[in-house]
Amino acid sequence: MDSEEFRRRGREMIDYVASYMENVRTYQPYPDVQPGYLRHMIPDCAPESPDSWDDLFKDIERVIMPGITHWQNPHFHAYYTTASSFPATLADILSNGIGCLGFTWGAASEATLIALLSARTKFLHKMKKDTTEMEDGVIMSKFVAYTSDQGHSSVERAGLIAAVKMRQLETDDKCALRGRTLQRAIDSDKAKGLVPIYVSEKEEIWLHIDAAYAGSAFICPEFRPILNGVEYATSFSFNPHKWMHVNFDCSTMWVKDSTLISDAFTVDPLYLKHEKQGQVMPDYRHWTIPFGRRFRSLKLWFVLRLFGQKWLQECIKKDVRLAHEFKNLVLSDERFELFCEVTLGLVCFRLKKSDEVNERLLKAINEDRRIHIVPSRTKDKYFLRFAICSSQTTSEDIQFAWKVISEMADFVLKDELVY
């Protein structure tokens, strides 16, 4: 879908939404479909090649609308008011088009917390069977979870919110957490009377994979070997809004045994019970921290249908090629070095100088304003991160970025000689 088609189809969708709001009282406020009705109406996988807009548009009425609860219908009197208006809808279009992330820690970060809270509940129930006289708080004070020193800050925050000790374990020279390191930590903590609950499948501990960025790449067969061993995971999450052309926010999460999640979050007051109780599987209101949620899966469905698997795969492969093009530029300049192996669309690099010099380089690049990058630090080493972020990035953009970085390196290194 190019910009011209977007304009045309956008007008169609605006007209559809306007007509819907004008005629919303003609809809039955609560659907009478049966649980699972969608299963026989849509394919079980995304199309290889794009579907047509016309076919998708027809499916809004055929597939989506029969299962919708029409909260805007004047005859809907359940729960509470839900706000919707034309100005707010237009603002959402602008917000989605700009695509600026406010760096909320939600989405995949929330999936990490949900998995940790579920693991905590699982082990709490398990231990209470054997230790009935011990209070819940005493039991949970013994719990310990593990992450690598490469883990996202949201993992540490999940431990704080869940009140579970979170130990960061040292990774090797390839920034990978190894089984030997984990086993030593588990054995040490068990000897102290602690109860490991989160990361190792071998020890019957919850193993969660947070593939927030990289997960989208696994739609490409050539990148799936990176995921070898996923069958040992208890849960797996990734963000389609990071690399699958879906607007923020949209995260997916798989669980090997969904009852491990629902058992941790089920609260079932009378006003939420319904005649399909027990038939709706999964019942997502028992899966998350927020009670309500946006219809995020709809935009993922649109993207999969209108782009198809092949186009999405080519986009990811193109970004990986561009990252490797940048990697080769780094390697061609003896002043620079790679910080770690380049696998997908991210290149971590630095000058072969002190952290202070690399900090000055980053400052010079960002103050120049032609490109923008961010740093990171691990294993007491400061480095720069170059990510392929825009779907419009080309080889010319990579060459331009390297030109800027080289110029700023000249400036910083010349300045260092003065010192």
Protein backbone atom coordinates (compact mmCIF):
# COMPACT_ATOMS: atom_id res chain seq x y z
CA MET A 1 0.00 0.00 0.00
CA ASP A 2 1.63 3.23 -1.15
CA SER A 3 0.70 6.77 -0.09
CA GLU A 4 -1.84 7.23 -2.89
CA GLU A 5 -3.68 4.03 -2.07
CA PHE A 6 -3.50 4.94 1.62
CA ARG A 7 -5.28 8.22 0.87
CA ARG A 8 -7.98 6.41 -1.11
CA ARG A 9 -8.49 3.58 1.36
CA GLY A 10 -8.24 5.99 4.27
CA ARG A 11 -11.20 7.92 2.94
CA GLU A 12 -13.12 4.65 2.63
CA MET A 13 -12.34 3.75 6.23
CA ILE A 14 -13.27 7.21 7.50
CA ASP A 15 -16.58 6.91 5.65
CA TYR A 16 -17.12 3.46 7.15
CA VAL A 17 -16.43 4.68 10.70
CA ALA A 18 -18.65 7.73 10.24
CA SER A 19 -21.50 5.54 8.94
CA TYR A 20 -20.98 3.11 11.79
CA MET A 21 -21.29 5.86 14.38
CA GLU A 22 -24.36 7.31 12.67
CA ASN A 23 -26.07 3.93 12.62
CA VAL A 24 -24.64 2.31 15.76
CA ARG A 25 -28.05 2.02 17.44
CA THR A 26 -29.20 -0.32 14.64
CA TYR A 27 -26.66 -2.93 15.73
CA GLN A 28 -27.52 -5.55 18.32
CA PRO A 29 -25.60 -4.30 21.38
CA TYR A 30 -24.30 -7.72 22.44
CA PRO A 31 -23.28 -10.38 19.90
CA ASP A 32 -24.95 -13.79 19.74
CA VAL A 33 -22.05 -15.67 18.14
CA GLN A 34 -20.70 -18.80 19.80
CA PRO A 35 -17.17 -19.10 21.24
CA GLY A 36 -14.78 -20.13 18.50
CA TYR A 37 -16.95 -18.80 15.66
CA LEU A 38 -13.92 -17.21 14.00
CA ARG A 39 -12.00 -20.46 13.70
CA HIS A 40 -13.90 -21.63 10.63
CA MET A 41 -14.15 -18.21 8.99
CA ILE A 42 -10.48 -17.32 8.60
CA PRO A 43 -7.37 -19.28 7.50
CA ASP A 44 -5.05 -20.69 10.14
CA CYS A 45 -2.03 -18.82 8.76
CA ALA A 46 -1.17 -15.52 7.12
CA PRO A 47 -1.28 -15.42 3.30
CA GLU A 48 2.01 -15.82 1.43
CA SER A 49 1.04 -13.05 -1.00
CA PRO A 50 -1.06 -9.97 -0.18
CA ASP A 51 -4.84 -10.16 -0.12
CA SER A 52 -6.74 -7.36 -1.86
CA TRP A 53 -8.13 -4.44 0.10
CA ASP A 54 -11.58 -5.18 -1.30
CA ASP A 55 -11.53 -8.73 0.10
CA LEU A 56 -10.32 -7.50 3.48
CA PHE A 57 -12.87 -4.70 3.57
CA LYS A 58 -15.72 -7.18 2.95
CA ASP A 59 -14.45 -9.26 5.86
CA ILE A 60 -14.98 -6.40 8.30
CA GLU A 61 -18.73 -7.02 8.10
CA ARG A 62 -18.49 -10.76 7.49
CA VAL A 63 -15.85 -11.68 10.11
CA ILE A 64 -15.29 -8.85 12.59
CA MET A 65 -18.63 -7.15 13.18
CA PRO A 66 -20.65 -10.28 14.13
CA GLY A 67 -18.48 -10.72 17.22
CA ILE A 68 -18.30 -7.08 18.32
CA THR A 69 -19.89 -5.79 21.51
CA HIS A 70 -21.13 -2.35 20.51
CA TRP A 71 -20.25 -0.19 23.51
CA GLN A 72 -21.29 2.96 21.59
CA ASN A 73 -24.83 1.67 21.07
CA PRO A 74 -27.35 3.71 23.14
CA HIS A 75 -28.87 0.35 24.14
CA PHE A 76 -25.65 -0.87 25.75
CA HIS A 77 -25.89 -0.32 29.51
CA ALA A 78 -23.24 -2.63 30.97
CA TYR A 79 -20.04 -1.90 32.89
CA TYR A 80 -19.19 1.77 32.31
CA THR A 81 -18.90 4.54 29.73
CA THR A 82 -16.29 4.10 27.04
CA ALA A 83 -15.29 7.30 25.32
CA SER A 84 -15.09 7.54 21.54
CA SER A 85 -15.39 10.59 19.33
CA PHE A 86 -14.49 11.79 15.87
CA PRO A 87 -11.80 14.21 17.14
CA ALA A 88 -10.17 11.46 19.21
CA THR A 89 -10.29 9.09 16.24
CA LEU A 90 -8.59 11.68 14.03
CA ALA A 91 -5.97 12.23 16.73
CA ASP A 92 -5.29 8.49 16.76
CA ILE A 93 -4.69 8.58 13.01
CA LEU A 94 -2.14 11.35 13.48
CA SER A 95 -0.52 9.61 16.45
CA ASN A 96 -0.25 6.33 14.55
CA GLY A 97 1.08 8.06 11.45
CA ILE A 98 3.80 9.88 13.39
CA GLY A 99 4.63 6.62 15.15
CA CYS A 100 6.41 8.27 18.06
CA LEU A 101 6.86 5.98 21.06
CA GLY A 102 6.54 7.58 24.47
CA PHE A 103 8.75 4.87 25.95
CA THR A 104 6.11 3.36 28.15
CA TRP A 105 7.43 0.18 29.67
CA GLY A 106 4.26 -1.71 28.69
CA ALA A 107 3.74 -4.22 25.88
CA ALA A 108 6.45 -6.87 25.84
CA SER A 109 7.78 -5.49 29.13
CA GLU A 110 4.38 -6.19 30.65
CA ALA A 111 4.53 -9.72 29.22
CA THR A 112 7.72 -10.27 31.20
CA LEU A 113 5.97 -9.13 34.37
CA ILE A 114 2.94 -11.33 33.68
CA ALA A 115 5.19 -14.35 33.18
CA LEU A 116 7.07 -13.57 36.40
CA LEU A 117 3.87 -13.10 38.43
CA SER A 118 2.51 -16.35 37.01
CA ALA A 119 5.71 -18.19 37.90
CA ARG A 120 5.49 -16.73 41.41
CA THR A 121 1.90 -18.02 41.78
CA LYS A 122 2.83 -21.45 40.40
CA PHE A 123 5.62 -21.92 42.93
CA LEU A 124 3.59 -20.42 45.76
CA HIS A 125 0.85 -23.02 45.21
CA LYS A 126 3.44 -25.76 44.86
CA MET A 127 5.18 -24.89 48.11
CA LYS A 128 1.96 -24.39 50.08
CA LYS A 129 1.03 -28.00 49.38
CA ASP A 130 4.19 -29.05 51.21
CA THR A 131 4.48 -26.18 53.72
CA THR A 132 0.95 -25.33 54.82
CA GLU A 133 2.04 -23.63 58.04
CA MET A 134 4.20 -21.02 56.30
CA GLU A 135 2.70 -17.62 55.42
CA ASP A 136 2.58 -16.54 51.77
CA GLY A 137 4.90 -13.60 52.38
CA VAL A 138 7.52 -15.81 54.03
CA ILE A 139 7.40 -18.27 51.12
CA MET A 140 7.69 -15.54 48.49
CA SER A 141 10.63 -13.93 50.29
CA LYS A 142 12.63 -17.04 49.35
CA PHE A 143 11.92 -16.77 45.62
CA VAL A 144 14.71 -15.78 43.23
CA ALA A 145 14.64 -15.18 39.46
CA TYR A 146 17.47 -14.91 36.95
CA THR A 147 18.27 -12.78 33.93
CA SER A 148 21.49 -12.13 32.04
CA ASP A 149 23.49 -8.94 32.38
CA GLN A 150 22.23 -8.19 28.84
CA GLY A 151 18.60 -8.23 29.97
CA HIS A 152 16.40 -5.20 29.36
CA SER A 153 15.81 -2.85 32.29
CA SER A 154 12.14 -3.87 32.21
CA VAL A 155 13.15 -7.31 33.51
CA GLU A 156 14.72 -5.73 36.58
CA ARG A 157 11.62 -3.58 37.01
CA ALA A 158 9.38 -6.65 36.78
CA GLY A 159 11.33 -8.11 39.72
CA LEU A 160 10.79 -4.92 41.73
CA ILE A 161 7.04 -4.87 41.07
CA ALA A 162 6.62 -8.60 41.73
CA ALA A 163 8.81 -8.35 44.88
CA VAL A 164 11.00 -11.20 43.61
CA LYS A 165 14.78 -11.14 43.94
CA MET A 166 16.23 -10.74 40.43
CA ARG A 167 19.82 -11.85 39.92
CA GLN A 168 21.78 -10.66 36.91
CA LEU A 169 24.15 -13.35 35.67
CA GLU A 170 27.34 -12.68 33.76
CA THR A 171 27.42 -13.48 30.05
CA ASP A 172 30.35 -14.71 27.94
CA ASP A 173 32.36 -12.84 25.31
CA LYS A 174 29.46 -13.29 22.86
CA CYS A 175 27.06 -11.67 25.36
CA ALA A 176 25.30 -15.02 25.87
CA LEU A 177 24.22 -16.53 29.17
CA ARG A 178 25.60 -20.07 29.43
CA GLY A 179 24.07 -23.04 31.19
CA ARG A 180 27.08 -23.55 33.46
CA THR A 181 26.78 -20.01 34.82
CA LEU A 182 23.08 -20.44 35.46
CA GLN A 183 23.50 -23.84 37.11
CA ARG A 184 26.14 -22.48 39.50
CA ALA A 185 23.80 -19.63 40.48
CA ILE A 186 20.89 -22.03 41.05
CA ASP A 187 23.00 -24.41 43.15
CA SER A 188 24.38 -21.51 45.21
CA ASP A 189 20.93 -20.05 45.87
CA LYS A 190 19.42 -23.41 46.78
CA ALA A 191 22.23 -23.91 49.30
CA LYS A 192 21.17 -20.59 50.89
CA GLY A 193 17.57 -21.80 51.24
CA LEU A 194 16.27 -19.76 48.31
CA VAL A 195 13.80 -21.09 45.73
CA PRO A 196 14.67 -20.43 42.04
CA ILE A 197 11.45 -19.86 40.10
CA TYR A 198 12.23 -18.16 36.81
CA VAL A 199 14.49 -18.97 33.82
CA SER A 200 15.62 -22.65 33.72
CA GLU A 201 13.50 -25.40 32.16
CA LYS A 202 15.86 -28.13 33.34
CA GLU A 203 15.16 -27.32 36.98
CA GLU A 204 11.39 -27.10 36.28
CA ILE A 205 11.69 -23.34 36.61
CA TRP A 206 9.70 -20.99 34.39
CA LEU A 207 11.66 -20.12 31.22
CA HIS A 208 10.46 -16.91 29.56
CA ILE A 209 11.87 -15.69 26.23
CA ASP A 210 11.55 -11.94 25.69
CA ALA A 211 12.16 -11.62 21.92
CA ALA A 212 10.73 -8.09 21.81
CA TYR A 213 12.72 -6.95 18.78
CA ALA A 214 14.18 -10.10 17.27
CA GLY A 215 10.97 -12.13 17.37
CA SER A 216 9.64 -10.68 14.12
CA ALA A 217 12.73 -11.95 12.27
CA PHE A 218 11.64 -15.53 12.85
CA ILE A 219 9.05 -15.26 10.10
CA CYS A 220 12.14 -15.71 7.87
CA PRO A 221 13.21 -19.40 7.72
CA GLU A 222 16.91 -18.48 7.54
CA PHE A 223 16.78 -16.78 10.96
CA ARG A 224 14.84 -19.50 12.79
CA PRO A 225 17.97 -21.41 13.91
CA ILE A 226 18.55 -18.51 16.33
CA LEU A 227 15.41 -19.75 18.05
CA ASN A 228 16.60 -23.33 18.49
CA GLY A 229 15.52 -24.57 21.92
CA VAL A 230 12.31 -22.53 22.03
CA GLU A 231 10.45 -25.76 22.74
CA TYR A 232 11.87 -25.64 26.27
CA ALA A 233 10.29 -22.24 26.97
CA THR A 234 7.26 -21.83 29.21
CA SER A 235 6.37 -18.50 27.57
CA PHE A 236 7.53 -16.44 24.59
CA SER A 237 6.75 -12.83 23.64
CA PHE A 238 7.67 -10.36 20.92
CA ASN A 239 6.56 -6.94 19.60
CA PRO A 240 5.11 -6.82 16.08
CA HIS A 241 5.25 -3.04 16.50
CA LYS A 242 9.04 -3.20 16.41
CA TRP A 243 9.71 -4.90 13.09
CA MET A 244 6.49 -6.10 11.50
CA HIS A 245 4.98 -2.84 10.24
CA VAL A 246 2.38 -2.64 13.00
CA ASN A 247 1.86 0.68 14.80
CA PHE A 248 2.68 0.94 18.50
CA ASP A 249 1.56 -0.79 20.60
CA CYS A 250 1.08 -4.45 19.75
CA SER A 251 2.67 -7.40 21.52
CA THR A 252 2.11 -11.12 21.25
CA MET A 253 2.63 -13.76 23.91
CA TRP A 254 2.51 -17.55 23.78
CA VAL A 255 2.28 -19.77 26.85
CA LYS A 256 2.88 -23.52 26.88
CA ASP A 257 0.15 -24.01 29.48
CA SER A 258 -2.32 -21.12 29.56
CA THR A 259 -3.70 -22.13 32.96
CA LEU A 260 -0.38 -21.04 34.48
CA ILE A 261 -1.31 -17.48 33.48
CA SER A 262 -5.03 -17.55 34.16
CA ASP A 263 -4.56 -19.17 37.59
CA ALA A 264 -2.44 -16.20 38.62
CA PHE A 265 -4.92 -13.51 37.53
CA THR A 266 -8.43 -14.96 37.77
CA VAL A 267 -10.83 -12.82 39.78
CA ASP A 268 -14.44 -13.57 38.85
CA PRO A 269 -17.06 -11.29 40.43
CA LEU A 270 -20.74 -11.80 39.69
CA TYR A 271 -21.06 -8.78 37.37
CA LEU A 272 -18.46 -10.30 35.02
CA LYS A 273 -20.00 -13.76 34.79
CA HIS A 274 -21.78 -14.68 31.57
CA GLU A 275 -23.64 -17.58 30.00
CA LYS A 276 -20.57 -18.72 28.03
CA GLN A 277 -18.57 -19.13 31.25
CA GLY A 278 -15.90 -21.77 30.72
CA GLN A 279 -16.52 -22.00 26.97
CA VAL A 280 -14.44 -18.98 25.98
CA MET A 281 -10.91 -20.28 25.73
CA PRO A 282 -8.77 -18.45 26.34
CA ASP A 283 -10.66 -15.85 28.36
CA TYR A 284 -8.17 -13.00 28.04
CA ARG A 285 -9.55 -10.98 30.92
CA HIS A 286 -7.75 -13.51 33.14
CA TRP A 287 -4.47 -13.08 31.30
CA THR A 288 -3.38 -9.51 31.89
CA ILE A 289 -2.81 -6.88 34.55
CA PRO A 290 -5.17 -4.28 33.01
CA PHE A 291 -8.78 -5.43 32.99
CA GLY A 292 -9.57 -3.90 29.60
CA ARG A 293 -7.47 -3.88 26.47
CA ARG A 294 -7.55 -2.32 23.03
CA PHE A 295 -8.42 -4.32 19.91
CA ARG A 296 -4.73 -4.51 18.96
CA SER A 297 -4.99 -7.79 17.08
CA LEU A 298 -7.10 -6.08 14.41
CA LYS A 299 -4.20 -4.02 13.07
CA LEU A 300 -1.94 -7.08 13.08
CA TRP A 301 -4.59 -8.94 11.07
CA PHE A 302 -4.78 -6.08 8.56
CA VAL A 303 -0.99 -6.02 8.17
CA LEU A 304 -0.67 -9.78 7.67
CA ARG A 305 -3.43 -9.83 5.09
CA LEU A 306 -2.53 -6.74 3.07
CA PHE A 307 1.24 -7.35 3.03
CA GLY A 308 1.47 -11.14 3.14
CA GLN A 309 4.32 -13.21 4.52
CA LYS A 310 6.71 -12.84 1.57
CA TRP A 311 6.69 -9.05 1.59
CA LEU A 312 7.22 -8.90 5.36
CA GLN A 313 10.07 -11.41 5.09
CA GLU A 314 11.75 -9.35 2.36
CA CYS A 315 11.52 -6.20 4.50
CA ILE A 316 13.28 -7.89 7.40
CA LYS A 317 15.94 -9.42 5.16
CA LYS A 318 16.55 -6.00 3.58
CA ASP A 319 17.11 -4.43 7.00
CA VAL A 320 19.54 -7.20 7.97
CA ARG A 321 21.49 -6.63 4.74
CA LEU A 322 21.70 -2.92 5.53
CA ALA A 323 22.97 -3.66 9.04
CA HIS A 324 25.70 -5.87 7.58
CA GLU A 325 26.56 -3.14 5.08
CA PHE A 326 27.09 -0.79 8.02
CA LYS A 327 29.08 -3.49 9.84
CA ASN A 328 31.44 -3.77 6.86
CA LEU A 329 31.96 0.00 6.89
CA VAL A 330 32.92 -0.21 10.56
CA LEU A 331 35.37 -3.03 9.87
CA SER A 332 36.89 -1.12 6.96
CA ASP A 333 37.98 1.70 9.26
CA GLU A 334 40.86 0.67 11.52
CA ARG A 335 39.87 3.32 14.08
CA PHE A 336 36.70 1.39 14.94
CA GLU A 337 35.79 -2.03 16.29
CA LEU A 338 32.62 -4.05 16.68
CA PHE A 339 31.47 -4.55 20.24
CA CYS A 340 29.63 -7.81 19.52
CA GLU A 341 28.55 -10.05 16.65
CA VAL A 342 26.05 -8.59 14.19
CA THR A 343 23.12 -10.98 13.85
CA LEU A 344 20.06 -9.03 12.74
CA GLY A 345 19.40 -5.29 12.33
CA LEU A 346 21.58 -3.85 15.11
CA VAL A 347 25.29 -2.97 15.01
CA CYS A 348 27.13 -2.24 18.26
CA PHE A 349 30.47 -0.51 17.64
CA ARG A 350 32.99 1.87 19.17
CA LEU A 351 36.23 3.70 18.57
CA LYS A 352 39.31 1.81 19.74
CA LYS A 353 39.70 4.44 22.39
CA SER A 354 38.59 5.12 25.94
CA ASP A 355 34.97 5.34 27.03
CA GLU A 356 35.39 9.09 27.40
CA VAL A 357 36.39 9.46 23.74
CA ASN A 358 33.41 7.37 22.63
CA GLU A 359 31.13 9.49 24.78
CA ARG A 360 32.46 12.61 23.04
CA LEU A 361 31.88 10.94 19.67
CA LEU A 362 28.24 10.20 20.51
CA LYS A 363 27.75 13.76 21.75
CA ALA A 364 29.26 15.18 18.54
CA ILE A 365 27.09 12.95 16.32
CA ASN A 366 23.85 13.87 18.06
CA GLU A 367 24.64 17.56 18.35
CA ASP A 368 25.36 17.60 14.61
CA ARG A 369 21.65 16.62 14.17
CA ARG A 370 22.02 14.92 10.78
CA ILE A 371 21.56 11.45 12.28
CA HIS A 372 20.65 10.21 15.73
CA ILE A 373 21.97 7.18 17.62
CA VAL A 374 22.13 6.12 21.27
CA PRO A 375 24.79 4.44 23.41
CA SER A 376 24.78 1.57 25.84
CA ARG A 377 27.18 0.08 28.35
CA THR A 378 27.81 -3.50 29.34
CA LYS A 379 30.72 -5.33 30.88
CA ASP A 380 32.03 -1.90 31.93
CA LYS A 381 32.42 -0.86 28.30
CA TYR A 382 30.69 2.05 26.55
CA PHE A 383 29.61 1.55 22.94
CA LEU A 384 27.37 3.06 20.27
CA ARG A 385 24.26 1.38 18.83
CA PHE A 386 23.33 1.72 15.16
CA ALA A 387 19.88 0.26 14.48
CA ILE A 388 17.97 0.03 11.21
CA CYS A 389 14.76 1.68 12.38
CA SER A 390 12.83 3.05 9.41
CA SER A 391 11.25 0.89 6.74
CA GLN A 392 12.37 3.58 4.26
CA THR A 393 16.09 3.19 5.05
CA THR A 394 18.21 2.54 1.95
CA SER A 395 21.86 1.84 1.19
CA GLU A 396 22.28 5.56 0.48
CA ASP A 397 21.11 6.30 4.02
CA ILE A 398 23.68 3.86 5.42
CA GLN A 399 26.47 5.51 3.42
CA PHE A 400 25.28 8.95 4.56
CA ALA A 401 25.23 7.86 8.21
CA TRP A 402 28.76 6.47 7.95
CA LYS A 403 29.94 9.72 6.34
CA VAL A 404 28.58 11.66 9.32
CA ILE A 405 30.09 9.25 11.85
CA SER A 406 33.48 9.37 10.08
CA GLU A 407 33.47 13.18 10.02
CA MET A 408 32.60 13.34 13.71
CA ALA A 409 35.28 10.77 14.50
CA ASP A 410 37.83 12.96 12.66
CA PHE A 411 36.71 15.92 14.74
CA VAL A 412 36.82 14.07 18.07
CA LEU A 413 40.15 12.35 17.45
CA LYS A 414 41.74 15.61 16.30
CA ASP A 415 40.43 17.22 19.46
CA GLU A 416 41.94 14.38 21.50
CA LEU A 417 45.39 15.12 20.05
CA VAL A 418 45.09 18.66 21.40
CA TYR A 419 44.57 17.22 24.86
